Amino acid sequence: MKVNSEQLLFNWQLGRDLVVRKAEEKWGSGIVEQVSLDLQAKFPNAKGFFVRNLWFMKQWYSFTH
């Protein structure tokens, strides 16, 4: 149960970071693709860092705020 809540919090925070950073630093839409590649390289055994999932994380954060 704790792992799930930690994963949800991480996903929400990642979505937040993508929304905030794009607004503050005027990153293009390619940043989501690059973050996806970076996370997959850093954590090769982890799942869920595909581009589509990162877009969902952004949407989830935006929906809650």
PDB file of N, CA and C in Angstrom:
ATOM      1  N   MET A   1       0.823  -1.186   0.000  1.00  0.00           N
ATOM      2  CA  MET A   1       0.000   0.000   0.000  1.00  0.00           C
ATOM      3  C   MET A   1       0.869   1.253   0.000  1.00  0.00           C
ATOM      4  N   LYS A   2       1.935   1.242   0.819  1.00  0.00           N
ATOM      5  CA  LYS A   2       2.832   2.402   0.895  1.00  0.00           C
ATOM      6  C   LYS A   2       3.520   2.654  -0.441  1.00  0.00           C
ATOM      7  N   VAL A   3       3.918   1.579  -1.127  1.00  0.00           N
ATOM      8  CA  VAL A   3       4.584   1.718  -2.420  1.00  0.00           C
ATOM      9  C   VAL A   3       3.662   2.390  -3.418  1.00  0.00           C
ATOM     10  N   ASN A   4       2.396   1.993  -3.441  1.00  0.00           N
ATOM     11  CA  ASN A   4       1.442   2.603  -4.360  1.00  0.00           C
ATOM     12  C   ASN A   4       1.272   4.086  -4.083  1.00  0.00           C
ATOM     13  N   SER A   5       1.142   4.462  -2.820  1.00  0.00           N
ATOM     14  CA  SER A   5       0.967   5.877  -2.496  1.00  0.00           C
ATOM     15  C   SER A   5       2.225   6.670  -2.826  1.00  0.00           C
ATOM     16  N   GLU A   6       3.390   6.077  -2.625  1.00  0.00           N
ATOM     17  CA  GLU A   6       4.648   6.748  -2.986  1.00  0.00           C
ATOM     18  C   GLU A   6       4.738   6.927  -4.501  1.00  0.00           C
ATOM     19  N   GLN A   7       4.311   5.913  -5.250  1.00  0.00           N
ATOM     20  CA  GLN A   7       4.351   6.002  -6.712  1.00  0.00           C
ATOM     21  C   GLN A   7       3.374   7.059  -7.210  1.00  0.00           C
ATOM     22  N   LEU A   8       2.192   7.106  -6.633  1.00  0.00           N
ATOM     23  CA  LEU A   8       1.216   8.122  -7.021  1.00  0.00           C
ATOM     24  C   LEU A   8       1.736   9.523  -6.733  1.00  0.00           C
ATOM     25  N   LEU A   9       2.340   9.698  -5.573  1.00  0.00           N
ATOM     26  CA  LEU A   9       2.898  10.998  -5.229  1.00  0.00           C
ATOM     27  C   LEU A   9       4.011  11.380  -6.203  1.00  0.00           C
ATOM     28  N   PHE A  10       4.892  10.431  -6.519  1.00  0.00           N
ATOM     29  CA  PHE A  10       5.966  10.695  -7.464  1.00  0.00           C
ATOM     30  C   PHE A  10       5.404  11.100  -8.828  1.00  0.00           C
ATOM     31  N   ASN A  11       4.401  10.358  -9.312  1.00  0.00           N
ATOM     32  CA  ASN A  11       3.795  10.671 -10.614  1.00  0.00           C
ATOM     33  C   ASN A  11       3.165  12.052 -10.612  1.00  0.00           C
ATOM     34  N   TRP A  12       2.458  12.403  -9.548  1.00  0.00           N
ATOM     35  CA  TRP A  12       1.818  13.713  -9.442  1.00  0.00           C
ATOM     36  C   TRP A  12       2.882  14.813  -9.427  1.00  0.00           C
ATOM     37  N   GLN A  13       3.957  14.600  -8.665  1.00  0.00           N
ATOM     38  CA  GLN A  13       5.027  15.593  -8.590  1.00  0.00           C
ATOM     39  C   GLN A  13       5.753  15.732  -9.923  1.00  0.00           C
ATOM     40  N   LEU A  14       5.933  14.640 -10.623  1.00  0.00           N
ATOM     41  CA  LEU A  14       6.566  14.708 -11.939  1.00  0.00           C
ATOM     42  C   LEU A  14       5.677  15.494 -12.896  1.00  0.00           C
ATOM     43  N   GLY A  15       4.387  15.252 -12.861  1.00  0.00           N
ATOM     44  CA  GLY A  15       3.450  16.034 -13.669  1.00  0.00           C
ATOM     45  C   GLY A  15       3.516  17.498 -13.321  1.00  0.00           C
ATOM     46  N   ARG A  16       3.575  17.800 -12.035  1.00  0.00           N
ATOM     47  CA  ARG A  16       3.699  19.183 -11.574  1.00  0.00           C
ATOM     48  C   ARG A  16       4.984  19.814 -12.114  1.00  0.00           C
ATOM     49  N   ASP A  17       6.072  19.098 -11.985  1.00  0.00           N
ATOM     50  CA  ASP A  17       7.356  19.629 -12.455  1.00  0.00           C
ATOM     51  C   ASP A  17       7.331  19.907 -13.954  1.00  0.00           C
ATOM     52  N   LEU A  18       6.719  19.028 -14.715  1.00  0.00           N
ATOM     53  CA  LEU A  18       6.633  19.250 -16.154  1.00  0.00           C
ATOM     54  C   LEU A  18       5.790  20.478 -16.478  1.00  0.00           C
ATOM     55  N   VAL A  19       4.694  20.663 -15.769  1.00  0.00           N
ATOM     56  CA  VAL A  19       3.837  21.832 -15.994  1.00  0.00           C
ATOM     57  C   VAL A  19       4.562  23.111 -15.576  1.00  0.00           C
ATOM     58  N   VAL A  20       5.145  23.118 -14.389  1.00  0.00           N
ATOM     59  CA  VAL A  20       5.795  24.316 -13.853  1.00  0.00           C
ATOM     60  C   VAL A  20       7.024  24.683 -14.670  1.00  0.00           C
ATOM     61  N   ARG A  21       7.861  23.731 -14.949  1.00  0.00           N
ATOM     62  CA  ARG A  21       9.093  24.005 -15.692  1.00  0.00           C
ATOM     63  C   ARG A  21       8.801  24.518 -17.094  1.00  0.00           C
ATOM     64  N   LYS A  22       7.799  23.944 -17.735  1.00  0.00           N
ATOM     65  CA  LYS A  22       7.466  24.396 -19.085  1.00  0.00           C
ATOM     66  C   LYS A  22       7.008  25.841 -19.052  1.00  0.00           C
ATOM     67  N   ALA A  23       6.221  26.196 -18.046  1.00  0.00           N
ATOM     68  CA  ALA A  23       5.732  27.566 -17.933  1.00  0.00           C
ATOM     69  C   ALA A  23       6.863  28.530 -17.570  1.00  0.00           C
ATOM     70  N   GLU A  24       7.727  28.121 -16.640  1.00  0.00           N
ATOM     71  CA  GLU A  24       8.777  29.019 -16.160  1.00  0.00           C
ATOM     72  C   GLU A  24       9.927  29.163 -17.145  1.00  0.00           C
ATOM     73  N   GLU A  25      10.306  28.087 -17.777  1.00  0.00           N
ATOM     74  CA  GLU A  25      11.493  28.113 -18.608  1.00  0.00           C
ATOM     75  C   GLU A  25      11.179  28.055 -20.102  1.00  0.00           C
ATOM     76  N   LYS A  26       9.885  28.057 -20.426  1.00  0.00           N
ATOM     77  CA  LYS A  26       9.446  28.048 -21.810  1.00  0.00           C
ATOM     78  C   LYS A  26      10.050  26.905 -22.622  1.00  0.00           C
ATOM     79  N   TRP A  27      10.043  25.721 -22.013  1.00  0.00           N
ATOM     80  CA  TRP A  27      10.482  24.530 -22.731  1.00  0.00           C
ATOM     81  C   TRP A  27       9.460  24.213 -23.818  1.00  0.00           C
ATOM     82  N   GLY A  28       9.905  23.645 -24.869  1.00  0.00           N
ATOM     83  CA  GLY A  28       8.991  23.200 -25.907  1.00  0.00           C
ATOM     84  C   GLY A  28       8.354  21.879 -25.530  1.00  0.00           C
ATOM     85  N   SER A  29       7.467  21.409 -26.373  1.00  0.00           N
ATOM     86  CA  SER A  29       6.789  20.145 -26.087  1.00  0.00           C
ATOM     87  C   SER A  29       7.753  18.968 -26.111  1.00  0.00           C
ATOM     88  N   GLY A  30       8.910  19.128 -26.719  1.00  0.00           N
ATOM     89  CA  GLY A  30       9.895  18.064 -26.776  1.00  0.00           C
ATOM     90  C   GLY A  30      10.471  17.701 -25.428  1.00  0.00           C
ATOM     91  N   ILE A  31      10.237  18.532 -24.428  1.00  0.00           N
ATOM     92  CA  ILE A  31      10.795  18.253 -23.107  1.00  0.00           C
ATOM     93  C   ILE A  31      10.204  16.975 -22.523  1.00  0.00           C
ATOM     94  N   VAL A  32       8.950  16.714 -22.793  1.00  0.00           N
ATOM     95  CA  VAL A  32       8.320  15.501 -22.257  1.00  0.00           C
ATOM     96  C   VAL A  32       8.997  14.268 -22.854  1.00  0.00           C
ATOM     97  N   GLU A  33       9.255  14.326 -24.142  1.00  0.00           N
ATOM     98  CA  GLU A  33       9.938  13.210 -24.793  1.00  0.00           C
ATOM     99  C   GLU A  33      11.342  13.022 -24.223  1.00  0.00           C
ATOM    100  N   GLN A  34      12.054  14.132 -23.994  1.00  0.00           N
ATOM    101  CA  GLN A  34      13.412  14.037 -23.467  1.00  0.00           C
ATOM    102  C   GLN A  34      13.424  13.525 -22.032  1.00  0.00           C
ATOM    103  N   VAL A  35      12.507  13.994 -21.211  1.00  0.00           N
ATOM    104  CA  VAL A  35      12.420  13.516 -19.828  1.00  0.00           C
ATOM    105  C   VAL A  35      12.117  12.019 -19.816  1.00  0.00           C
ATOM    106  N   SER A  36      11.244  11.592 -20.710  1.00  0.00           N
ATOM    107  CA  SER A  36      10.928  10.175 -20.814  1.00  0.00           C
ATOM    108  C   SER A  36      12.181   9.357 -21.119  1.00  0.00           C
ATOM    109  N   LEU A  37      12.947   9.787 -22.096  1.00  0.00           N
ATOM    110  CA  LEU A  37      14.182   9.088 -22.447  1.00  0.00           C
ATOM    111  C   LEU A  37      15.179   9.095 -21.290  1.00  0.00           C
ATOM    112  N   ASP A  38      15.302  10.243 -20.635  1.00  0.00           N
ATOM    113  CA  ASP A  38      16.236  10.359 -19.508  1.00  0.00           C
ATOM    114  C   ASP A  38      15.851   9.420 -18.361  1.00  0.00           C
ATOM    115  N   LEU A  39      14.566   9.384 -18.020  1.00  0.00           N
ATOM    116  CA  LEU A  39      14.114   8.526 -16.925  1.00  0.00           C
ATOM    117  C   LEU A  39      14.268   7.045 -17.274  1.00  0.00           C
ATOM    118  N   GLN A  40      13.981   6.696 -18.522  1.00  0.00           N
ATOM    119  CA  GLN A  40      14.139   5.301 -18.927  1.00  0.00           C
ATOM    120  C   GLN A  40      15.607   4.884 -18.899  1.00  0.00           C
ATOM    121  N   ALA A  41      16.499   5.808 -19.238  1.00  0.00           N
ATOM    122  CA  ALA A  41      17.930   5.500 -19.195  1.00  0.00           C
ATOM    123  C   ALA A  41      18.419   5.391 -17.756  1.00  0.00           C
ATOM    124  N   LYS A  42      17.933   6.260 -16.899  1.00  0.00           N
ATOM    125  CA  LYS A  42      18.361   6.283 -15.495  1.00  0.00           C
ATOM    126  C   LYS A  42      17.809   5.094 -14.716  1.00  0.00           C
ATOM    127  N   PHE A  43      16.577   4.701 -15.022  1.00  0.00           N
ATOM    128  CA  PHE A  43      15.905   3.610 -14.318  1.00  0.00           C
ATOM    129  C   PHE A  43      15.435   2.556 -15.330  1.00  0.00           C
ATOM    130  N   PRO A  44      16.365   1.784 -15.901  1.00  0.00           N
ATOM    131  CA  PRO A  44      16.007   0.857 -16.986  1.00  0.00           C
ATOM    132  C   PRO A  44      15.024  -0.252 -16.580  1.00  0.00           C
ATOM    133  N   ASN A  45      14.965  -0.599 -15.316  1.00  0.00           N
ATOM    134  CA  ASN A  45      14.054  -1.655 -14.873  1.00  0.00           C
ATOM    135  C   ASN A  45      12.692  -1.130 -14.436  1.00  0.00           C
ATOM    136  N   ALA A  46      12.556   0.178 -14.353  1.00  0.00           N
ATOM    137  CA  ALA A  46      11.280   0.778 -13.941  1.00  0.00           C
ATOM    138  C   ALA A  46      10.342   0.854 -15.145  1.00  0.00           C
ATOM    139  N   LYS A  47       9.064   0.774 -14.858  1.00  0.00           N
ATOM    140  CA  LYS A  47       8.059   0.886 -15.908  1.00  0.00           C
ATOM    141  C   LYS A  47       7.265   2.165 -15.697  1.00  0.00           C
ATOM    142  N   GLY A  48       6.674   2.658 -16.766  1.00  0.00           N
ATOM    143  CA  GLY A  48       5.775   3.791 -16.637  1.00  0.00           C
ATOM    144  C   GLY A  48       6.356   5.127 -17.049  1.00  0.00           C
ATOM    145  N   PHE A  49       7.564   5.147 -17.560  1.00  0.00           N
ATOM    146  CA  PHE A  49       8.167   6.420 -17.953  1.00  0.00           C
ATOM    147  C   PHE A  49       8.078   6.668 -19.454  1.00  0.00           C
ATOM    148  N   PHE A  50       7.096   6.064 -20.087  1.00  0.00           N
ATOM    149  CA  PHE A  50       6.900   6.284 -21.505  1.00  0.00           C
ATOM    150  C   PHE A  50       6.283   7.663 -21.729  1.00  0.00           C
ATOM    151  N   VAL A  51       6.479   8.208 -22.914  1.00  0.00           N
ATOM    152  CA  VAL A  51       6.011   9.562 -23.233  1.00  0.00           C
ATOM    153  C   VAL A  51       4.529   9.715 -22.932  1.00  0.00           C
ATOM    154  N   ARG A  52       3.746   8.760 -23.365  1.00  0.00           N
ATOM    155  CA  ARG A  52       2.296   8.845 -23.153  1.00  0.00           C
ATOM    156  C   ARG A  52       1.959   8.950 -21.661  1.00  0.00           C
ATOM    157  N   ASN A  53       2.640   8.176 -20.828  1.00  0.00           N
ATOM    158  CA  ASN A  53       2.383   8.229 -19.386  1.00  0.00           C
ATOM    159  C   ASN A  53       2.771   9.585 -18.802  1.00  0.00           C
ATOM    160  N   LEU A  54       3.865  10.165 -19.273  1.00  0.00           N
ATOM    161  CA  LEU A  54       4.263  11.480 -18.776  1.00  0.00           C
ATOM    162  C   LEU A  54       3.236  12.546 -19.153  1.00  0.00           C
ATOM    163  N   TRP A  55       2.665  12.440 -20.352  1.00  0.00           N
ATOM    164  CA  TRP A  55       1.587  13.366 -20.724  1.00  0.00           C
ATOM    165  C   TRP A  55       0.382  13.189 -19.804  1.00  0.00           C
ATOM    166  N   PHE A  56       0.078  11.943 -19.446  1.00  0.00           N
ATOM    167  CA  PHE A  56      -1.023  11.697 -18.510  1.00  0.00           C
ATOM    168  C   PHE A  56      -0.717  12.288 -17.136  1.00  0.00           C
ATOM    169  N   MET A  57       0.542  12.211 -16.700  1.00  0.00           N
ATOM    170  CA  MET A  57       0.931  12.798 -15.415  1.00  0.00           C
ATOM    171  C   MET A  57       0.738  14.307 -15.438  1.00  0.00           C
ATOM    172  N   LYS A  58       1.110  14.936 -16.553  1.00  0.00           N
ATOM    173  CA  LYS A  58       0.891  16.383 -16.700  1.00  0.00           C
ATOM    174  C   LYS A  58      -0.591  16.722 -16.631  1.00  0.00           C
ATOM    175  N   GLN A  59      -1.391  15.932 -17.351  1.00  0.00           N
ATOM    176  CA  GLN A  59      -2.836  16.174 -17.343  1.00  0.00           C
ATOM    177  C   GLN A  59      -3.427  15.975 -15.970  1.00  0.00           C
ATOM    178  N   TRP A  60      -2.973  14.959 -15.256  1.00  0.00           N
ATOM    179  CA  TRP A  60      -3.484  14.684 -13.922  1.00  0.00           C
ATOM    180  C   TRP A  60      -3.191  15.857 -12.993  1.00  0.00           C
ATOM    181  N   TYR A  61      -1.948  16.350 -13.046  1.00  0.00           N
ATOM    182  CA  TYR A  61      -1.618  17.504 -12.211  1.00  0.00           C
ATOM    183  C   TYR A  61      -2.479  18.716 -12.602  1.00  0.00           C
ATOM    184  N   SER A  62      -2.579  18.973 -13.891  1.00  0.00           N
ATOM    185  CA  SER A  62      -3.353  20.127 -14.345  1.00  0.00           C
ATOM    186  C   SER A  62      -4.819  20.008 -13.949  1.00  0.00           C
ATOM    187  N   PHE A  63      -5.356  18.804 -13.976  1.00  0.00           N
ATOM    188  CA  PHE A  63      -6.748  18.589 -13.596  1.00  0.00           C
ATOM    189  C   PHE A  63      -6.965  18.870 -12.115  1.00  0.00           C
ATOM    190  N   THR A  64      -5.962  18.561 -11.291  1.00  0.00           N
ATOM    191  CA  THR A  64      -6.125  18.762  -9.854  1.00  0.00           C
ATOM    192  C   THR A  64      -5.826  20.191  -9.425  1.00  0.00           C
ATOM    193  N   HIS A  65      -5.367  21.016 -10.374  1.00  0.00           N
ATOM    194  CA  HIS A  65      -5.080  22.417 -10.031  1.00  0.00           C
ATOM    195  C   HIS A  65      -5.684  23.351 -11.000  1.00  0.00           C
TER     196      HIS A  65
END
